[in-house]
mmCIF file of all heavy atoms, coordinates in Angstrom:
data_MODEL
# 
_entry.id   MODEL 
# 
loop_
_atom_site.group_PDB 
_atom_site.id 
_atom_site.type_symbol 
_atom_site.label_atom_id 
_atom_site.label_alt_id 
_atom_site.label_comp_id 
_atom_site.label_asym_id 
_atom_site.label_entity_id 
_atom_site.label_seq_id 
_atom_site.pdbx_PDB_ins_code 
_atom_site.Cartn_x 
_atom_site.Cartn_y 
_atom_site.Cartn_z 
_atom_site.occupancy 
_atom_site.B_iso_or_equiv 
_atom_site.pdbx_formal_charge 
_atom_site.auth_seq_id 
_atom_site.auth_comp_id 
_atom_site.auth_asym_id 
_atom_site.auth_atom_id 
_atom_site.pdbx_PDB_model_num 
ATOM 1   N N   . ALA A 1 1  ? 5.985   -8.973  -4.859  1.00 0.00 ? 1  ALA A N   1 
ATOM 2   C CA  . ALA A 1 1  ? 6.734   -10.214 -5.082  1.00 0.00 ? 1  ALA A CA  1 
ATOM 3   C C   . ALA A 1 1  ? 8.025   -10.257 -4.276  1.00 0.00 ? 1  ALA A C   1 
ATOM 4   O O   . ALA A 1 1  ? 8.558   -11.340 -3.999  1.00 0.00 ? 1  ALA A O   1 
ATOM 5   C CB  . ALA A 1 1  ? 7.038   -10.377 -6.574  1.00 0.00 ? 1  ALA A CB  1 
ATOM 6   N N   . ARG A 1 2  ? 8.539   -9.104  -3.874  1.00 0.00 ? 2  ARG A N   1 
ATOM 7   C CA  . ARG A 1 2  ? 9.804   -9.056  -3.131  1.00 0.00 ? 2  ARG A CA  1 
ATOM 8   C C   . ARG A 1 2  ? 9.604   -9.023  -1.614  1.00 0.00 ? 2  ARG A C   1 
ATOM 9   O O   . ARG A 1 2  ? 10.577  -9.051  -0.855  1.00 0.00 ? 2  ARG A O   1 
ATOM 10  C CB  . ARG A 1 2  ? 10.606  -7.814  -3.552  1.00 0.00 ? 2  ARG A CB  1 
ATOM 11  C CG  . ARG A 1 2  ? 10.967  -7.782  -5.032  1.00 0.00 ? 2  ARG A CG  1 
ATOM 12  C CD  . ARG A 1 2  ? 11.900  -6.624  -5.336  1.00 0.00 ? 2  ARG A CD  1 
ATOM 13  N NE  . ARG A 1 2  ? 11.299  -5.332  -5.037  1.00 0.00 ? 2  ARG A NE  1 
ATOM 14  C CZ  . ARG A 1 2  ? 10.525  -4.648  -5.893  1.00 0.00 ? 2  ARG A CZ  1 
ATOM 15  N NH1 . ARG A 1 2  ? 10.276  -5.154  -7.100  1.00 0.00 ? 2  ARG A NH1 1 
ATOM 16  N NH2 . ARG A 1 2  ? 10.016  -3.480  -5.556  1.00 0.00 ? 2  ARG A NH2 1 
ATOM 17  N N   . MET A 1 3  ? 8.376   -8.952  -1.167  1.00 0.00 ? 3  MET A N   1 
ATOM 18  C CA  . MET A 1 3  ? 8.120   -8.795  0.271   1.00 0.00 ? 3  MET A CA  1 
ATOM 19  C C   . MET A 1 3  ? 8.259   -10.117 1.012   1.00 0.00 ? 3  MET A C   1 
ATOM 20  O O   . MET A 1 3  ? 7.730   -11.140 0.586   1.00 0.00 ? 3  MET A O   1 
ATOM 21  C CB  . MET A 1 3  ? 6.720   -8.213  0.491   1.00 0.00 ? 3  MET A CB  1 
ATOM 22  C CG  . MET A 1 3  ? 6.569   -6.783  0.000   1.00 0.00 ? 3  MET A CG  1 
ATOM 23  S SD  . MET A 1 3  ? 4.901   -6.133  0.280   1.00 0.00 ? 3  MET A SD  1 
ATOM 24  C CE  . MET A 1 3  ? 5.030   -4.531  -0.509  1.00 0.00 ? 3  MET A CE  1 
ATOM 25  N N   . ARG A 1 4  ? 8.963   -10.060 2.144   1.00 0.00 ? 4  ARG A N   1 
ATOM 26  C CA  . ARG A 1 4  ? 9.168   -11.252 2.962   1.00 0.00 ? 4  ARG A CA  1 
ATOM 27  C C   . ARG A 1 4  ? 8.784   -11.023 4.423   1.00 0.00 ? 4  ARG A C   1 
ATOM 28  O O   . ARG A 1 4  ? 8.889   -11.947 5.236   1.00 0.00 ? 4  ARG A O   1 
ATOM 29  C CB  . ARG A 1 4  ? 10.633  -11.689 2.896   1.00 0.00 ? 4  ARG A CB  1 
ATOM 30  C CG  . ARG A 1 4  ? 11.109  -12.078 1.501   1.00 0.00 ? 4  ARG A CG  1 
ATOM 31  C CD  . ARG A 1 4  ? 10.400  -13.330 1.000   1.00 0.00 ? 4  ARG A CD  1 
ATOM 32  N NE  . ARG A 1 4  ? 10.878  -13.733 -0.316  1.00 0.00 ? 4  ARG A NE  1 
ATOM 33  C CZ  . ARG A 1 4  ? 10.331  -13.337 -1.460  1.00 0.00 ? 4  ARG A CZ  1 
ATOM 34  N NH1 . ARG A 1 4  ? 9.281   -12.524 -1.443  1.00 0.00 ? 4  ARG A NH1 1 
ATOM 35  N NH2 . ARG A 1 4  ? 10.820  -13.752 -2.615  1.00 0.00 ? 4  ARG A NH2 1 
ATOM 36  N N   . SER A 1 5  ? 8.351   -9.795  4.756   1.00 0.00 ? 5  SER A N   1 
ATOM 37  C CA  . SER A 1 5  ? 8.047   -9.497  6.154   1.00 0.00 ? 5  SER A CA  1 
ATOM 38  C C   . SER A 1 5  ? 7.006   -8.389  6.244   1.00 0.00 ? 5  SER A C   1 
ATOM 39  O O   . SER A 1 5  ? 6.716   -7.698  5.261   1.00 0.00 ? 5  SER A O   1 
ATOM 40  C CB  . SER A 1 5  ? 9.316   -9.060  6.892   1.00 0.00 ? 5  SER A CB  1 
ATOM 41  O OG  . SER A 1 5  ? 9.773   -7.809  6.391   1.00 0.00 ? 5  SER A OG  1 
ATOM 42  N N   . VAL A 1 6  ? 6.483   -8.216  7.446   1.00 0.00 ? 6  VAL A N   1 
ATOM 43  C CA  . VAL A 1 6  ? 5.544   -7.118  7.689   1.00 0.00 ? 6  VAL A CA  1 
ATOM 44  C C   . VAL A 1 6  ? 6.249   -5.780  7.474   1.00 0.00 ? 6  VAL A C   1 
ATOM 45  O O   . VAL A 1 6  ? 5.675   -4.839  6.922   1.00 0.00 ? 6  VAL A O   1 
ATOM 46  C CB  . VAL A 1 6  ? 4.973   -7.207  9.118   1.00 0.00 ? 6  VAL A CB  1 
ATOM 47  C CG1 . VAL A 1 6  ? 4.116   -5.988  9.431   1.00 0.00 ? 6  VAL A CG1 1 
ATOM 48  C CG2 . VAL A 1 6  ? 4.166   -8.484  9.295   1.00 0.00 ? 6  VAL A CG2 1 
ATOM 49  N N   . ALA A 1 7  ? 7.506   -5.692  7.875   1.00 0.00 ? 7  ALA A N   1 
ATOM 50  C CA  . ALA A 1 7  ? 8.261   -4.448  7.705   1.00 0.00 ? 7  ALA A CA  1 
ATOM 51  C C   . ALA A 1 7  ? 8.407   -4.089  6.230   1.00 0.00 ? 7  ALA A C   1 
ATOM 52  O O   . ALA A 1 7  ? 8.345   -2.905  5.858   1.00 0.00 ? 7  ALA A O   1 
ATOM 53  C CB  . ALA A 1 7  ? 9.632   -4.584  8.359   1.00 0.00 ? 7  ALA A CB  1 
ATOM 54  N N   . ASP A 1 8  ? 8.599   -5.098  5.371   1.00 0.00 ? 8  ASP A N   1 
ATOM 55  C CA  . ASP A 1 8  ? 8.678   -4.838  3.931   1.00 0.00 ? 8  ASP A CA  1 
ATOM 56  C C   . ASP A 1 8  ? 7.389   -4.199  3.436   1.00 0.00 ? 8  ASP A C   1 
ATOM 57  O O   . ASP A 1 8  ? 7.413   -3.245  2.644   1.00 0.00 ? 8  ASP A O   1 
ATOM 58  C CB  . ASP A 1 8  ? 8.926   -6.138  3.166   1.00 0.00 ? 8  ASP A CB  1 
ATOM 59  C CG  . ASP A 1 8  ? 10.319  -6.701  3.392   1.00 0.00 ? 8  ASP A CG  1 
ATOM 60  O OD1 . ASP A 1 8  ? 11.190  -5.942  3.864   1.00 0.00 ? 8  ASP A OD1 1 
ATOM 61  O OD2 . ASP A 1 8  ? 10.524  -7.895  3.097   1.00 0.00 ? 8  ASP A OD2 1 
ATOM 62  N N   . PHE A 1 9  ? 6.253   -4.738  3.893   1.00 0.00 ? 9  PHE A N   1 
ATOM 63  C CA  . PHE A 1 9  ? 4.961   -4.202  3.470   1.00 0.00 ? 9  PHE A CA  1 
ATOM 64  C C   . PHE A 1 9  ? 4.774   -2.777  3.980   1.00 0.00 ? 9  PHE A C   1 
ATOM 65  O O   . PHE A 1 9  ? 4.330   -1.890  3.242   1.00 0.00 ? 9  PHE A O   1 
ATOM 66  C CB  . PHE A 1 9  ? 3.833   -5.105  3.981   1.00 0.00 ? 9  PHE A CB  1 
ATOM 67  C CG  . PHE A 1 9  ? 2.458   -4.635  3.602   1.00 0.00 ? 9  PHE A CG  1 
ATOM 68  C CD1 . PHE A 1 9  ? 1.915   -4.942  2.364   1.00 0.00 ? 9  PHE A CD1 1 
ATOM 69  C CD2 . PHE A 1 9  ? 1.693   -3.870  4.484   1.00 0.00 ? 9  PHE A CD2 1 
ATOM 70  C CE1 . PHE A 1 9  ? 0.646   -4.505  1.999   1.00 0.00 ? 9  PHE A CE1 1 
ATOM 71  C CE2 . PHE A 1 9  ? 0.426   -3.427  4.132   1.00 0.00 ? 9  PHE A CE2 1 
ATOM 72  C CZ  . PHE A 1 9  ? -0.095  -3.746  2.886   1.00 0.00 ? 9  PHE A CZ  1 
ATOM 73  N N   . GLN A 1 10 ? 5.094   -2.532  5.240   1.00 0.00 ? 10 GLN A N   1 
ATOM 74  C CA  . GLN A 1 10 ? 4.938   -1.207  5.818   1.00 0.00 ? 10 GLN A CA  1 
ATOM 75  C C   . GLN A 1 10 ? 5.782   -0.167  5.096   1.00 0.00 ? 10 GLN A C   1 
ATOM 76  O O   . GLN A 1 10 ? 5.349   0.980   4.911   1.00 0.00 ? 10 GLN A O   1 
ATOM 77  C CB  . GLN A 1 10 ? 5.300   -1.246  7.310   1.00 0.00 ? 10 GLN A CB  1 
ATOM 78  C CG  . GLN A 1 10 ? 4.324   -2.047  8.151   1.00 0.00 ? 10 GLN A CG  1 
ATOM 79  C CD  . GLN A 1 10 ? 4.816   -2.257  9.574   1.00 0.00 ? 10 GLN A CD  1 
ATOM 80  O OE1 . GLN A 1 10 ? 6.030   -2.342  9.812   1.00 0.00 ? 10 GLN A OE1 1 
ATOM 81  N NE2 . GLN A 1 10 ? 3.888   -2.347  10.523  1.00 0.00 ? 10 GLN A NE2 1 
ATOM 82  N N   . ALA A 1 11 ? 6.967   -0.558  4.667   1.00 0.00 ? 11 ALA A N   1 
ATOM 83  C CA  . ALA A 1 11 ? 7.853   0.375   3.984   1.00 0.00 ? 11 ALA A CA  1 
ATOM 84  C C   . ALA A 1 11 ? 7.358   0.711   2.582   1.00 0.00 ? 11 ALA A C   1 
ATOM 85  O O   . ALA A 1 11 ? 7.544   1.840   2.093   1.00 0.00 ? 11 ALA A O   1 
ATOM 86  C CB  . ALA A 1 11 ? 9.265   -0.205  3.908   1.00 0.00 ? 11 ALA A CB  1 
ATOM 87  N N   . ALA A 1 12 ? 6.721   -0.256  1.929   1.00 0.00 ? 12 ALA A N   1 
ATOM 88  C CA  . ALA A 1 12 ? 6.310   -0.064  0.535   1.00 0.00 ? 12 ALA A CA  1 
ATOM 89  C C   . ALA A 1 12 ? 4.897   0.477   0.388   1.00 0.00 ? 12 ALA A C   1 
ATOM 90  O O   . ALA A 1 12 ? 4.573   1.110   -0.632  1.00 0.00 ? 12 ALA A O   1 
ATOM 91  C CB  . ALA A 1 12 ? 6.429   -1.390  -0.221  1.00 0.00 ? 12 ALA A CB  1 
ATOM 92  N N   . VAL A 1 13 ? 4.049   0.243   1.388   1.00 0.00 ? 13 VAL A N   1 
ATOM 93  C CA  . VAL A 1 13 ? 2.640   0.638   1.293   1.00 0.00 ? 13 VAL A CA  1 
ATOM 94  C C   . VAL A 1 13 ? 2.296   1.521   2.493   1.00 0.00 ? 13 VAL A C   1 
ATOM 95  O O   . VAL A 1 13 ? 1.877   1.015   3.538   1.00 0.00 ? 13 VAL A O   1 
ATOM 96  C CB  . VAL A 1 13 ? 1.707   -0.590  1.241   1.00 0.00 ? 13 VAL A CB  1 
ATOM 97  C CG1 . VAL A 1 13 ? 0.266   -0.155  0.983   1.00 0.00 ? 13 VAL A CG1 1 
ATOM 98  C CG2 . VAL A 1 13 ? 2.169   -1.578  0.172   1.00 0.00 ? 13 VAL A CG2 1 
ATOM 99  N N   . PRO A 1 14 ? 2.475   2.824   2.379   1.00 0.00 ? 14 PRO A N   1 
ATOM 100 C CA  . PRO A 1 14 ? 2.170   3.719   3.504   1.00 0.00 ? 14 PRO A CA  1 
ATOM 101 C C   . PRO A 1 14 ? 0.673   3.796   3.762   1.00 0.00 ? 14 PRO A C   1 
ATOM 102 O O   . PRO A 1 14 ? -0.153  3.397   2.925   1.00 0.00 ? 14 PRO A O   1 
ATOM 103 C CB  . PRO A 1 14 ? 2.721   5.069   3.036   1.00 0.00 ? 14 PRO A CB  1 
ATOM 104 C CG  . PRO A 1 14 ? 2.666   4.988   1.540   1.00 0.00 ? 14 PRO A CG  1 
ATOM 105 C CD  . PRO A 1 14 ? 2.956   3.557   1.196   1.00 0.00 ? 14 PRO A CD  1 
ATOM 106 N N   . LEU A 1 15 ? 0.320   4.317   4.931   1.00 0.00 ? 15 LEU A N   1 
ATOM 107 C CA  . LEU A 1 15 ? -1.094  4.523   5.254   1.00 0.00 ? 15 LEU A CA  1 
ATOM 108 C C   . LEU A 1 15 ? -1.714  5.489   4.258   1.00 0.00 ? 15 LEU A C   1 
ATOM 109 O O   . LEU A 1 15 ? -1.113  6.504   3.890   1.00 0.00 ? 15 LEU A O   1 
ATOM 110 C CB  . LEU A 1 15 ? -1.233  5.072   6.676   1.00 0.00 ? 15 LEU A CB  1 
ATOM 111 C CG  . LEU A 1 15 ? -0.852  4.120   7.810   1.00 0.00 ? 15 LEU A CG  1 
ATOM 112 C CD1 . LEU A 1 15 ? -0.935  4.851   9.146   1.00 0.00 ? 15 LEU A CD1 1 
ATOM 113 C CD2 . LEU A 1 15 ? -1.750  2.900   7.819   1.00 0.00 ? 15 LEU A CD2 1 
ATOM 114 N N   . ARG A 1 16 ? -2.934  5.182   3.838   1.00 0.00 ? 16 ARG A N   1 
ATOM 115 C CA  . ARG A 1 16 ? -3.628  5.998   2.846   1.00 0.00 ? 16 ARG A CA  1 
ATOM 116 C C   . ARG A 1 16 ? -5.086  6.156   3.257   1.00 0.00 ? 16 ARG A C   1 
ATOM 117 O O   . ARG A 1 16 ? -5.605  5.378   4.067   1.00 0.00 ? 16 ARG A O   1 
ATOM 118 C CB  . ARG A 1 16 ? -3.577  5.339   1.468   1.00 0.00 ? 16 ARG A CB  1 
ATOM 119 C CG  . ARG A 1 16 ? -2.190  5.260   0.821   1.00 0.00 ? 16 ARG A CG  1 
ATOM 120 C CD  . ARG A 1 16 ? -2.319  4.574   -0.516  1.00 0.00 ? 16 ARG A CD  1 
ATOM 121 N NE  . ARG A 1 16 ? -1.144  4.756   -1.352  1.00 0.00 ? 16 ARG A NE  1 
ATOM 122 C CZ  . ARG A 1 16 ? -0.223  3.827   -1.556  1.00 0.00 ? 16 ARG A CZ  1 
ATOM 123 N NH1 . ARG A 1 16 ? -0.349  2.657   -0.942  1.00 0.00 ? 16 ARG A NH1 1 
ATOM 124 N NH2 . ARG A 1 16 ? 0.787   4.040   -2.349  1.00 0.00 ? 16 ARG A NH2 1 
ATOM 125 N N   . ASP A 1 17 ? -5.748  7.143   2.654   1.00 0.00 ? 17 ASP A N   1 
ATOM 126 C CA  . ASP A 1 17 ? -7.188  7.268   2.838   1.00 0.00 ? 17 ASP A CA  1 
ATOM 127 C C   . ASP A 1 17 ? -7.888  6.865   1.544   1.00 0.00 ? 17 ASP A C   1 
ATOM 128 O O   . ASP A 1 17 ? -7.236  6.466   0.561   1.00 0.00 ? 17 ASP A O   1 
ATOM 129 C CB  . ASP A 1 17 ? -7.580  8.677   3.274   1.00 0.00 ? 17 ASP A CB  1 
ATOM 130 C CG  . ASP A 1 17 ? -7.156  9.754   2.269   1.00 0.00 ? 17 ASP A CG  1 
ATOM 131 O OD1 . ASP A 1 17 ? -6.940  9.415   1.082   1.00 0.00 ? 17 ASP A OD1 1 
ATOM 132 O OD2 . ASP A 1 17 ? -7.052  10.930  2.665   1.00 0.00 ? 17 ASP A OD2 1 
ATOM 133 N N   . TYR A 1 18 ? -9.210  6.965   1.538   1.00 0.00 ? 18 TYR A N   1 
ATOM 134 C CA  . TYR A 1 18 ? -9.969  6.477   0.382   1.00 0.00 ? 18 TYR A CA  1 
ATOM 135 C C   . TYR A 1 18 ? -9.596  7.210   -0.903  1.00 0.00 ? 18 TYR A C   1 
ATOM 136 O O   . TYR A 1 18 ? -9.519  6.599   -1.976  1.00 0.00 ? 18 TYR A O   1 
ATOM 137 C CB  . TYR A 1 18 ? -11.469 6.607   0.637   1.00 0.00 ? 18 TYR A CB  1 
ATOM 138 C CG  . TYR A 1 18 ? -12.310 6.105   -0.521  1.00 0.00 ? 18 TYR A CG  1 
ATOM 139 C CD1 . TYR A 1 18 ? -12.594 4.753   -0.660  1.00 0.00 ? 18 TYR A CD1 1 
ATOM 140 C CD2 . TYR A 1 18 ? -12.790 6.987   -1.488  1.00 0.00 ? 18 TYR A CD2 1 
ATOM 141 C CE1 . TYR A 1 18 ? -13.347 4.281   -1.724  1.00 0.00 ? 18 TYR A CE1 1 
ATOM 142 C CE2 . TYR A 1 18 ? -13.538 6.527   -2.564  1.00 0.00 ? 18 TYR A CE2 1 
ATOM 143 C CZ  . TYR A 1 18 ? -13.816 5.163   -2.675  1.00 0.00 ? 18 TYR A CZ  1 
ATOM 144 O OH  . TYR A 1 18 ? -14.540 4.710   -3.739  1.00 0.00 ? 18 TYR A OH  1 
ATOM 145 N N   . ASP A 1 19 ? -9.354  8.505   -0.809  1.00 0.00 ? 19 ASP A N   1 
ATOM 146 C CA  . ASP A 1 19 ? -9.039  9.288   -2.009  1.00 0.00 ? 19 ASP A CA  1 
ATOM 147 C C   . ASP A 1 19 ? -7.788  8.763   -2.713  1.00 0.00 ? 19 ASP A C   1 
ATOM 148 O O   . ASP A 1 19 ? -7.668  8.858   -3.941  1.00 0.00 ? 19 ASP A O   1 
ATOM 149 C CB  . ASP A 1 19 ? -8.852  10.761  -1.648  1.00 0.00 ? 19 ASP A CB  1 
ATOM 150 C CG  . ASP A 1 19 ? -10.158 11.433  -1.257  1.00 0.00 ? 19 ASP A CG  1 
ATOM 151 O OD1 . ASP A 1 19 ? -11.217 10.906  -1.647  1.00 0.00 ? 19 ASP A OD1 1 
ATOM 152 O OD2 . ASP A 1 19 ? -10.117 12.459  -0.565  1.00 0.00 ? 19 ASP A OD2 1 
ATOM 153 N N   . ASP A 1 20 ? -6.851  8.210   -1.942  1.00 0.00 ? 20 ASP A N   1 
ATOM 154 C CA  . ASP A 1 20 ? -5.642  7.656   -2.551  1.00 0.00 ? 20 ASP A CA  1 
ATOM 155 C C   . ASP A 1 20 ? -5.941  6.410   -3.377  1.00 0.00 ? 20 ASP A C   1 
ATOM 156 O O   . ASP A 1 20 ? -5.229  6.102   -4.343  1.00 0.00 ? 20 ASP A O   1 
ATOM 157 C CB  . ASP A 1 20 ? -4.614  7.317   -1.466  1.00 0.00 ? 20 ASP A CB  1 
ATOM 158 C CG  . ASP A 1 20 ? -4.116  8.547   -0.724  1.00 0.00 ? 20 ASP A CG  1 
ATOM 159 O OD1 . ASP A 1 20 ? -3.830  9.559   -1.391  1.00 0.00 ? 20 ASP A OD1 1 
ATOM 160 O OD2 . ASP A 1 20 ? -4.043  8.503   0.513   1.00 0.00 ? 20 ASP A OD2 1 
ATOM 161 N N   . TYR A 1 21 ? -6.981  5.689   -2.974  1.00 0.00 ? 21 TYR A N   1 
ATOM 162 C CA  . TYR A 1 21 ? -7.346  4.472   -3.695  1.00 0.00 ? 21 TYR A CA  1 
ATOM 163 C C   . TYR A 1 21 ? -8.391  4.721   -4.784  1.00 0.00 ? 21 TYR A C   1 
ATOM 164 O O   . TYR A 1 21 ? -8.641  3.827   -5.601  1.00 0.00 ? 21 TYR A O   1 
ATOM 165 C CB  . TYR A 1 21 ? -7.873  3.412   -2.723  1.00 0.00 ? 21 TYR A CB  1 
ATOM 166 C CG  . TYR A 1 21 ? -6.795  2.810   -1.856  1.00 0.00 ? 21 TYR A CG  1 
ATOM 167 C CD1 . TYR A 1 21 ? -6.598  3.232   -0.547  1.00 0.00 ? 21 TYR A CD1 1 
ATOM 168 C CD2 . TYR A 1 21 ? -5.976  1.805   -2.349  1.00 0.00 ? 21 TYR A CD2 1 
ATOM 169 C CE1 . TYR A 1 21 ? -5.598  2.678   0.242   1.00 0.00 ? 21 TYR A CE1 1 
ATOM 170 C CE2 . TYR A 1 21 ? -4.975  1.241   -1.571  1.00 0.00 ? 21 TYR A CE2 1 
ATOM 171 C CZ  . TYR A 1 21 ? -4.799  1.685   -0.272  1.00 0.00 ? 21 TYR A CZ  1 
ATOM 172 O OH  . TYR A 1 21 ? -3.800  1.139   0.501   1.00 0.00 ? 21 TYR A OH  1 
ATOM 173 N N   . ALA A 1 22 ? -9.005  5.889   -4.777  1.00 0.00 ? 22 ALA A N   1 
ATOM 174 C CA  . ALA A 1 22 ? -10.092 6.172   -5.721  1.00 0.00 ? 22 ALA A CA  1 
ATOM 175 C C   . ALA A 1 22 ? -9.700  5.932   -7.180  1.00 0.00 ? 22 ALA A C   1 
ATOM 176 O O   . ALA A 1 22 ? -10.483 5.337   -7.941  1.00 0.00 ? 22 ALA A O   1 
ATOM 177 C CB  . ALA A 1 22 ? -10.607 7.595   -5.518  1.00 0.00 ? 22 ALA A CB  1 
ATOM 178 N N   . PRO A 1 23 ? -8.503  6.367   -7.641  1.00 0.00 ? 23 PRO A N   1 
ATOM 179 C CA  . PRO A 1 23 ? -8.158  6.112   -9.049  1.00 0.00 ? 23 PRO A CA  1 
ATOM 180 C C   . PRO A 1 23 ? -8.085  4.622   -9.377  1.00 0.00 ? 23 PRO A C   1 
ATOM 181 O O   . PRO A 1 23 ? -8.462  4.201   -10.485 1.00 0.00 ? 23 PRO A O   1 
ATOM 182 C CB  . PRO A 1 23 ? -6.778  6.777   -9.194  1.00 0.00 ? 23 PRO A CB  1 
ATOM 183 C CG  . PRO A 1 23 ? -6.728  7.810   -8.124  1.00 0.00 ? 23 PRO A CG  1 
ATOM 184 C CD  . PRO A 1 23 ? -7.489  7.208   -6.980  1.00 0.00 ? 23 PRO A CD  1 
ATOM 185 N N   . TRP A 1 24 ? -7.614  3.818   -8.431  1.00 0.00 ? 24 TRP A N   1 
ATOM 186 C CA  . TRP A 1 24 ? -7.567  2.372   -8.651  1.00 0.00 ? 24 TRP A CA  1 
ATOM 187 C C   . TRP A 1 24 ? -8.983  1.800   -8.744  1.00 0.00 ? 24 TRP A C   1 
ATOM 188 O O   . TRP A 1 24 ? -9.265  0.934   -9.589  1.00 0.00 ? 24 TRP A O   1 
ATOM 189 C CB  . TRP A 1 24 ? -6.806  1.685   -7.518  1.00 0.00 ? 24 TRP A CB  1 
ATOM 190 C CG  . TRP A 1 24 ? -5.395  2.131   -7.333  1.00 0.00 ? 24 TRP A CG  1 
ATOM 191 C CD1 . TRP A 1 24 ? -4.962  3.181   -6.568  1.00 0.00 ? 24 TRP A CD1 1 
ATOM 192 C CD2 . TRP A 1 24 ? -4.219  1.577   -7.923  1.00 0.00 ? 24 TRP A CD2 1 
ATOM 193 N NE1 . TRP A 1 24 ? -3.601  3.300   -6.634  1.00 0.00 ? 24 TRP A NE1 1 
ATOM 194 C CE2 . TRP A 1 24 ? -3.111  2.322   -7.449  1.00 0.00 ? 24 TRP A CE2 1 
ATOM 195 C CE3 . TRP A 1 24 ? -3.991  0.490   -8.773  1.00 0.00 ? 24 TRP A CE3 1 
ATOM 196 C CZ2 . TRP A 1 24 ? -1.805  2.029   -7.827  1.00 0.00 ? 24 TRP A CZ2 1 
ATOM 197 C CZ3 . TRP A 1 24 ? -2.681  0.187   -9.143  1.00 0.00 ? 24 TRP A CZ3 1 
ATOM 198 C CH2 . TRP A 1 24 ? -1.610  0.958   -8.677  1.00 0.00 ? 24 TRP A CH2 1 
ATOM 199 N N   . ILE A 1 25 ? -9.864  2.276   -7.864  1.00 0.00 ? 25 ILE A N   1 
ATOM 200 C CA  . ILE A 1 25 ? -11.247 1.786   -7.857  1.00 0.00 ? 25 ILE A CA  1 
ATOM 201 C C   . ILE A 1 25 ? -11.985 2.226   -9.118  1.00 0.00 ? 25 ILE A C   1 
ATOM 202 O O   . ILE A 1 25 ? -12.831 1.485   -9.650  1.00 0.00 ? 25 ILE A O   1 
ATOM 203 C CB  . ILE A 1 25 ? -11.964 2.266   -6.581  1.00 0.00 ? 25 ILE A CB  1 
ATOM 204 C CG1 . ILE A 1 25 ? -11.279 1.632   -5.351  1.00 0.00 ? 25 ILE A CG1 1 
ATOM 205 C CG2 . ILE A 1 25 ? -13.444 1.902   -6.607  1.00 0.00 ? 25 ILE A CG2 1 
ATOM 206 C CD1 . ILE A 1 25 ? -11.793 2.144   -4.025  1.00 0.00 ? 25 ILE A CD1 1 
ATOM 207 N N   . GLU A 1 26 ? -11.657 3.391   -9.626  1.00 0.00 ? 26 GLU A N   1 
ATOM 208 C CA  . GLU A 1 26 ? -12.256 3.837   -10.890 1.00 0.00 ? 26 GLU A CA  1 
ATOM 209 C C   . GLU A 1 26 ? -11.860 2.907   -12.028 1.00 0.00 ? 26 GLU A C   1 
ATOM 210 O O   . GLU A 1 26 ? -12.679 2.618   -12.920 1.00 0.00 ? 26 GLU A O   1 
ATOM 211 C CB  . GLU A 1 26 ? -11.818 5.268   -11.188 1.00 0.00 ? 26 GLU A CB  1 
ATOM 212 C CG  . GLU A 1 26 ? -12.452 6.308   -10.269 1.00 0.00 ? 26 GLU A CG  1 
ATOM 213 C CD  . GLU A 1 26 ? -11.882 7.695   -10.484 1.00 0.00 ? 26 GLU A CD  1 
ATOM 214 O OE1 . GLU A 1 26 ? -11.037 7.846   -11.411 1.00 0.00 ? 26 GLU A OE1 1 
ATOM 215 O OE2 . GLU A 1 26 ? -12.269 8.618   -9.750  1.00 0.00 ? 26 GLU A OE2 1 
# 
């Protein structure tokens, strides 16, 4: 909700692999 730019997104959401998302997908 606070993001206003691509840089905001990059700072808050680092690169991840599938294992990082696995708990969310579960």
